[in-house]
Amino acid sequence: MSVSQPQRTCVACRTVADKKQLLRFVLAPEGQVVVDYRQQLPGRGLYTCFNLQCPAQAVKRKSFHRGFGAITQPLELSELHGQLRRALFQRIKGLILMARKAGQLIAGSNMVLDTLKGPAPPTVVVMTTDITENMKQKIDRTAKRQQIFCTQLFDKVSLGQMLGKQERSVVAIQDGELATLLKSELNRYELVREN
């Protein structure tokens, strides 16, 4: 017997979906609409699809004004996108740190390359935006050959600091639930970053 998940309706396109697949917005005490990415903030929530066209349509059609009624701050779509990008970025950082604590993280170019070529390759590879072109091509080529999800995020210094080490240019996450969740969040971040 499967457990049914709570359903919500997108205020823009009226699509009904599982609550966790939608993006939640709440009204802050100051009267400003904020993104509630983790769906933990108190108060009434309005939902949109995650595809960024729906939040834009909701702003254009004044769906947030109708749903909340008491919006006192001007509603800027660029501010909502910025909030979403920051929330996703923090979520990705948190998942990488959880993978490190769980012993599922491999850090450093040579170790990641060796793991990619080994018998149990990782599921996700995250390279920094300032990785050397030569190393980027090596890792990218090897990951593509193995059909491993590969993306670029962070810079060497911030990735190293996040891991409590010197500069790091690449990390890989071993197969598991954390890797699956991280891959999903990275895909969402790519979607948001492109717009």
C-alpha atoms as a PDB file:
ATOM      1  CA  MET A   1       0.000   0.000   0.000  1.00  0.00           C
ATOM      2  CA  SER A   2       1.564   3.297  -1.056  1.00  0.00           C
ATOM      3  CA  VAL A   3       1.273   6.374   1.099  1.00  0.00           C
ATOM      4  CA  SER A   4      -0.214   9.291  -0.799  1.00  0.00           C
ATOM      5  CA  GLN A   5       1.600  12.594  -0.563  1.00  0.00           C
ATOM      6  CA  PRO A   6      -0.159  15.911   0.127  1.00  0.00           C
ATOM      7  CA  GLN A   7      -1.260  17.563  -3.123  1.00  0.00           C
ATOM      8  CA  ARG A   8      -1.168  21.281  -3.927  1.00  0.00           C
ATOM      9  CA  THR A   9      -2.229  23.358  -6.926  1.00  0.00           C
ATOM     10  CA  CYS A  10       0.044  25.764  -8.798  1.00  0.00           C
ATOM     11  CA  VAL A  11      -1.451  29.269  -8.534  1.00  0.00           C
ATOM     12  CA  ALA A  12      -0.304  30.065 -12.080  1.00  0.00           C
ATOM     13  CA  CYS A  13      -1.084  27.066 -14.296  1.00  0.00           C
ATOM     14  CA  ARG A  14      -3.463  25.204 -11.929  1.00  0.00           C
ATOM     15  CA  THR A  15      -1.484  21.950 -12.194  1.00  0.00           C
ATOM     16  CA  VAL A  16      -2.003  19.617  -9.233  1.00  0.00           C
ATOM     17  CA  ALA A  17       1.168  17.897  -7.975  1.00  0.00           C
ATOM     18  CA  ASP A  18       2.810  16.523  -4.858  1.00  0.00           C
ATOM     19  CA  LYS A  19       3.637  19.311  -2.441  1.00  0.00           C
ATOM     20  CA  LYS A  20       7.362  18.448  -2.467  1.00  0.00           C
ATOM     21  CA  GLN A  21       7.547  18.854  -6.263  1.00  0.00           C
ATOM     22  CA  LEU A  22       6.308  22.442  -6.109  1.00  0.00           C
ATOM     23  CA  LEU A  23       7.865  25.692  -4.973  1.00  0.00           C
ATOM     24  CA  ARG A  24       6.296  27.260  -1.851  1.00  0.00           C
ATOM     25  CA  PHE A  25       5.961  30.970  -1.159  1.00  0.00           C
ATOM     26  CA  VAL A  26       4.895  32.562   2.132  1.00  0.00           C
ATOM     27  CA  LEU A  27       4.156  36.088   3.294  1.00  0.00           C
ATOM     28  CA  ALA A  28       6.768  37.456   5.716  1.00  0.00           C
ATOM     29  CA  PRO A  29       5.599  39.593   8.672  1.00  0.00           C
ATOM     30  CA  GLU A  30       6.816  42.715   6.811  1.00  0.00           C
ATOM     31  CA  GLY A  31       4.345  41.974   4.013  1.00  0.00           C
ATOM     32  CA  GLN A  32       6.928  40.648   1.556  1.00  0.00           C
ATOM     33  CA  VAL A  33       6.554  37.437  -0.465  1.00  0.00           C
ATOM     34  CA  VAL A  34       9.470  35.084   0.214  1.00  0.00           C
ATOM     35  CA  VAL A  35      10.535  31.729  -1.199  1.00  0.00           C
ATOM     36  CA  ASP A  36      10.122  28.901   1.334  1.00  0.00           C
ATOM     37  CA  TYR A  37      12.303  26.346  -0.421  1.00  0.00           C
ATOM     38  CA  ARG A  38      12.478  23.893   2.485  1.00  0.00           C
ATOM     39  CA  GLN A  39       8.701  24.282   3.064  1.00  0.00           C
ATOM     40  CA  GLN A  40       9.193  24.904   6.775  1.00  0.00           C
ATOM     41  CA  LEU A  41       8.183  28.524   7.337  1.00  0.00           C
ATOM     42  CA  PRO A  42       4.945  29.162   9.226  1.00  0.00           C
ATOM     43  CA  GLY A  43       1.850  30.646   7.664  1.00  0.00           C
ATOM     44  CA  ARG A  44      -0.238  30.201   4.585  1.00  0.00           C
ATOM     45  CA  GLY A  45       1.694  29.016   1.566  1.00  0.00           C
ATOM     46  CA  LEU A  46       1.068  29.454  -2.130  1.00  0.00           C
ATOM     47  CA  TYR A  47       2.644  27.057  -4.596  1.00  0.00           C
ATOM     48  CA  THR A  48       3.931  27.251  -8.157  1.00  0.00           C
ATOM     49  CA  CYS A  49       5.558  24.753 -10.469  1.00  0.00           C
ATOM     50  CA  PHE A  50       9.333  24.766 -10.350  1.00  0.00           C
ATOM     51  CA  ASN A  51       9.792  25.813 -13.977  1.00  0.00           C
ATOM     52  CA  LEU A  52      10.225  29.597 -13.354  1.00  0.00           C
ATOM     53  CA  GLN A  53       7.575  30.449 -15.954  1.00  0.00           C
ATOM     54  CA  CYS A  54       4.897  29.786 -13.339  1.00  0.00           C
ATOM     55  CA  PRO A  55       6.289  32.219 -10.709  1.00  0.00           C
ATOM     56  CA  ALA A  56       6.593  34.823 -13.483  1.00  0.00           C
ATOM     57  CA  GLN A  57       3.013  34.176 -14.544  1.00  0.00           C
ATOM     58  CA  ALA A  58       1.845  34.326 -10.904  1.00  0.00           C
ATOM     59  CA  VAL A  59       3.485  37.749 -10.477  1.00  0.00           C
ATOM     60  CA  LYS A  60       2.055  39.007 -13.777  1.00  0.00           C
ATOM     61  CA  ARG A  61      -1.471  37.806 -12.982  1.00  0.00           C
ATOM     62  CA  LYS A  62      -1.241  39.063  -9.370  1.00  0.00           C
ATOM     63  CA  SER A  63      -1.942  35.561  -8.031  1.00  0.00           C
ATOM     64  CA  PHE A  64       0.183  36.272  -4.944  1.00  0.00           C
ATOM     65  CA  HIS A  65      -1.837  39.416  -4.214  1.00  0.00           C
ATOM     66  CA  ARG A  66      -5.082  37.439  -4.423  1.00  0.00           C
ATOM     67  CA  GLY A  67      -3.751  34.525  -2.388  1.00  0.00           C
ATOM     68  CA  PHE A  68      -2.129  36.518   0.394  1.00  0.00           C
ATOM     69  CA  GLY A  69      -4.185  39.694   0.241  1.00  0.00           C
ATOM     70  CA  ALA A  70      -1.879  41.785   2.440  1.00  0.00           C
ATOM     71  CA  ILE A  71       1.267  42.266   0.361  1.00  0.00           C
ATOM     72  CA  THR A  72       2.761  45.624   1.326  1.00  0.00           C
ATOM     73  CA  GLN A  73       6.184  45.308  -0.318  1.00  0.00           C
ATOM     74  CA  PRO A  74       6.536  45.598  -4.105  1.00  0.00           C
ATOM     75  CA  LEU A  75       6.815  42.160  -5.692  1.00  0.00           C
ATOM     76  CA  GLU A  76       9.849  41.808  -7.974  1.00  0.00           C
ATOM     77  CA  LEU A  77      10.340  38.629  -9.967  1.00  0.00           C
ATOM     78  CA  SER A  78      14.122  39.131  -9.975  1.00  0.00           C
ATOM     79  CA  GLU A  79      14.094  39.178  -6.153  1.00  0.00           C
ATOM     80  CA  LEU A  80      12.141  35.898  -6.042  1.00  0.00           C
ATOM     81  CA  HIS A  81      14.618  34.317  -8.483  1.00  0.00           C
ATOM     82  CA  GLY A  82      17.515  35.573  -6.351  1.00  0.00           C
ATOM     83  CA  GLN A  83      15.963  34.097  -3.202  1.00  0.00           C
ATOM     84  CA  LEU A  84      15.460  30.782  -4.981  1.00  0.00           C
ATOM     85  CA  ARG A  85      19.052  30.696  -6.279  1.00  0.00           C
ATOM     86  CA  ARG A  86      20.414  31.406  -2.787  1.00  0.00           C
ATOM     87  CA  ALA A  87      18.176  28.760  -1.187  1.00  0.00           C
ATOM     88  CA  LEU A  88      19.225  26.137  -3.745  1.00  0.00           C
ATOM     89  CA  PHE A  89      22.893  27.058  -3.346  1.00  0.00           C
ATOM     90  CA  GLN A  90      22.663  26.615   0.437  1.00  0.00           C
ATOM     91  CA  ARG A  91      20.837  23.304   0.013  1.00  0.00           C
ATOM     92  CA  ILE A  92      23.557  22.017  -2.344  1.00  0.00           C
ATOM     93  CA  LYS A  93      26.285  23.063   0.098  1.00  0.00           C
ATOM     94  CA  GLY A  94      24.449  21.282   2.898  1.00  0.00           C
ATOM     95  CA  LEU A  95      24.123  18.074   0.881  1.00  0.00           C
ATOM     96  CA  ILE A  96      27.827  18.102  -0.014  1.00  0.00           C
ATOM     97  CA  LEU A  97      28.700  18.529   3.672  1.00  0.00           C
ATOM     98  CA  MET A  98      26.352  15.683   4.604  1.00  0.00           C
ATOM     99  CA  ALA A  99      28.040  13.474   2.002  1.00  0.00           C
ATOM    100  CA  ARG A 100      31.414  14.343   3.527  1.00  0.00           C
ATOM    101  CA  LYS A 101      30.213  13.436   7.032  1.00  0.00           C
ATOM    102  CA  ALA A 102      28.708  10.196   5.711  1.00  0.00           C
ATOM    103  CA  GLY A 103      32.020   9.242   4.091  1.00  0.00           C
ATOM    104  CA  GLN A 104      30.545   9.366   0.577  1.00  0.00           C
ATOM    105  CA  LEU A 105      32.634  12.293  -0.704  1.00  0.00           C
ATOM    106  CA  ILE A 106      35.866  12.095  -2.683  1.00  0.00           C
ATOM    107  CA  ALA A 107      37.786  15.376  -2.963  1.00  0.00           C
ATOM    108  CA  GLY A 108      40.707  16.342  -5.175  1.00  0.00           C
ATOM    109  CA  SER A 109      41.399  15.970  -8.879  1.00  0.00           C
ATOM    110  CA  ASN A 110      43.556  12.846  -8.828  1.00  0.00           C
ATOM    111  CA  MET A 111      41.389  10.987  -6.326  1.00  0.00           C
ATOM    112  CA  VAL A 112      38.248  11.791  -8.317  1.00  0.00           C
ATOM    113  CA  LEU A 113      39.889  10.686 -11.586  1.00  0.00           C
ATOM    114  CA  ASP A 114      41.013   7.417  -9.985  1.00  0.00           C
ATOM    115  CA  THR A 115      37.515   6.828  -8.600  1.00  0.00           C
ATOM    116  CA  LEU A 116      35.938   7.576 -11.989  1.00  0.00           C
ATOM    117  CA  LYS A 117      38.138   4.907 -13.568  1.00  0.00           C
ATOM    118  CA  GLY A 118      37.647   2.433 -10.714  1.00  0.00           C
ATOM    119  CA  PRO A 119      35.154  -0.400 -10.220  1.00  0.00           C
ATOM    120  CA  ALA A 120      32.653   1.696  -8.196  1.00  0.00           C
ATOM    121  CA  PRO A 121      32.413   5.087  -9.921  1.00  0.00           C
ATOM    122  CA  PRO A 122      30.608   7.970  -8.214  1.00  0.00           C
ATOM    123  CA  THR A 123      27.142   9.192  -9.198  1.00  0.00           C
ATOM    124  CA  VAL A 124      27.800  12.945  -9.155  1.00  0.00           C
ATOM    125  CA  VAL A 125      30.883  15.038  -9.941  1.00  0.00           C
ATOM    126  CA  VAL A 126      31.030  18.749  -9.071  1.00  0.00           C
ATOM    127  CA  MET A 127      33.914  20.756 -10.536  1.00  0.00           C
ATOM    128  CA  THR A 128      34.732  24.326  -9.603  1.00  0.00           C
ATOM    129  CA  THR A 129      34.261  27.137 -12.083  1.00  0.00           C
ATOM    130  CA  ASP A 130      37.988  27.947 -11.928  1.00  0.00           C
ATOM    131  CA  ILE A 131      39.340  24.421 -12.492  1.00  0.00           C
ATOM    132  CA  THR A 132      42.172  24.228 -15.022  1.00  0.00           C
ATOM    133  CA  GLU A 133      40.974  23.546 -18.549  1.00  0.00           C
ATOM    134  CA  ASN A 134      43.163  20.452 -18.894  1.00  0.00           C
ATOM    135  CA  MET A 135      41.801  18.838 -15.711  1.00  0.00           C
ATOM    136  CA  LYS A 136      38.239  19.858 -16.596  1.00  0.00           C
ATOM    137  CA  GLN A 137      38.511  18.079 -19.945  1.00  0.00           C
ATOM    138  CA  LYS A 138      39.982  14.925 -18.371  1.00  0.00           C
ATOM    139  CA  ILE A 139      37.259  14.682 -15.731  1.00  0.00           C
ATOM    140  CA  ASP A 140      34.481  15.674 -18.120  1.00  0.00           C
ATOM    141  CA  ARG A 141      35.551  13.117 -20.724  1.00  0.00           C
ATOM    142  CA  THR A 142      35.846  10.302 -18.184  1.00  0.00           C
ATOM    143  CA  ALA A 143      32.520  11.175 -16.533  1.00  0.00           C
ATOM    144  CA  LYS A 144      30.691  11.341 -19.877  1.00  0.00           C
ATOM    145  CA  ARG A 145      32.119   7.997 -20.940  1.00  0.00           C
ATOM    146  CA  GLN A 146      30.696   6.465 -17.747  1.00  0.00           C
ATOM    147  CA  GLN A 147      27.438   8.486 -18.023  1.00  0.00           C
ATOM    148  CA  ILE A 148      28.064  10.225 -14.696  1.00  0.00           C
ATOM    149  CA  PHE A 149      26.349  13.513 -13.903  1.00  0.00           C
ATOM    150  CA  CYS A 150      28.930  16.311 -14.013  1.00  0.00           C
ATOM    151  CA  THR A 151      28.506  20.045 -13.386  1.00  0.00           C
ATOM    152  CA  GLN A 152      30.437  23.162 -12.345  1.00  0.00           C
ATOM    153  CA  LEU A 153      29.763  25.200  -9.206  1.00  0.00           C
ATOM    154  CA  PHE A 154      31.712  27.090  -6.505  1.00  0.00           C
ATOM    155  CA  ASP A 155      35.324  28.214  -6.804  1.00  0.00           C
ATOM    156  CA  LYS A 156      38.428  26.402  -5.519  1.00  0.00           C
ATOM    157  CA  VAL A 157      38.800  28.487  -2.367  1.00  0.00           C
ATOM    158  CA  SER A 158      35.159  28.273  -1.256  1.00  0.00           C
ATOM    159  CA  LEU A 159      34.972  24.518  -1.969  1.00  0.00           C
ATOM    160  CA  GLY A 160      38.170  23.943  -0.005  1.00  0.00           C
ATOM    161  CA  GLN A 161      36.933  26.072   2.910  1.00  0.00           C
ATOM    162  CA  MET A 162      33.608  24.268   2.891  1.00  0.00           C
ATOM    163  CA  LEU A 163      35.443  20.953   3.279  1.00  0.00           C
ATOM    164  CA  GLY A 164      37.888  22.332   5.862  1.00  0.00           C
ATOM    165  CA  LYS A 165      40.854  21.854   3.530  1.00  0.00           C
ATOM    166  CA  GLN A 166      43.075  23.783   1.136  1.00  0.00           C
ATOM    167  CA  GLU A 167      41.799  24.656  -2.330  1.00  0.00           C
ATOM    168  CA  ARG A 168      39.884  21.848  -4.010  1.00  0.00           C
ATOM    169  CA  SER A 169      38.838  21.868  -7.656  1.00  0.00           C
ATOM    170  CA  VAL A 170      36.542  18.844  -7.801  1.00  0.00           C
ATOM    171  CA  VAL A 171      34.478  16.559  -5.587  1.00  0.00           C
ATOM    172  CA  ALA A 172      32.595  13.370  -6.347  1.00  0.00           C
ATOM    173  CA  ILE A 173      29.766  11.765  -4.400  1.00  0.00           C
ATOM    174  CA  GLN A 174      29.396   7.994  -4.212  1.00  0.00           C
ATOM    175  CA  ASP A 175      26.168   6.285  -5.191  1.00  0.00           C
ATOM    176  CA  GLY A 176      23.375   6.539  -2.632  1.00  0.00           C
ATOM    177  CA  GLU A 177      20.383   8.591  -1.555  1.00  0.00           C
ATOM    178  CA  LEU A 178      22.495  11.700  -0.939  1.00  0.00           C
ATOM    179  CA  ALA A 179      23.915  11.544  -4.459  1.00  0.00           C
ATOM    180  CA  THR A 180      20.438  11.151  -5.952  1.00  0.00           C
ATOM    181  CA  LEU A 181      19.139  14.098  -3.938  1.00  0.00           C
ATOM    182  CA  LEU A 182      22.182  16.215  -4.798  1.00  0.00           C
ATOM    183  CA  LYS A 183      21.772  15.436  -8.508  1.00  0.00           C
ATOM    184  CA  SER A 184      18.142  16.560  -8.339  1.00  0.00           C
ATOM    185  CA  GLU A 185      19.063  19.819  -6.562  1.00  0.00           C
ATOM    186  CA  LEU A 186      21.897  20.501  -9.015  1.00  0.00           C
ATOM    187  CA  ASN A 187      19.492  20.023 -11.936  1.00  0.00           C
ATOM    188  CA  ARG A 188      17.112  22.505 -10.320  1.00  0.00           C
ATOM    189  CA  TYR A 189      19.974  24.944  -9.754  1.00  0.00           C
ATOM    190  CA  GLU A 190      20.993  24.700 -13.416  1.00  0.00           C
ATOM    191  CA  LEU A 191      17.413  25.460 -14.413  1.00  0.00           C
ATOM    192  CA  VAL A 192      17.340  28.539 -12.159  1.00  0.00           C
ATOM    193  CA  ARG A 193      20.856  29.690 -13.082  1.00  0.00           C
ATOM    194  CA  GLU A 194      20.039  29.684 -16.817  1.00  0.00           C
ATOM    195  CA  ASN A 195      17.189  32.180 -16.358  1.00  0.00           C
END
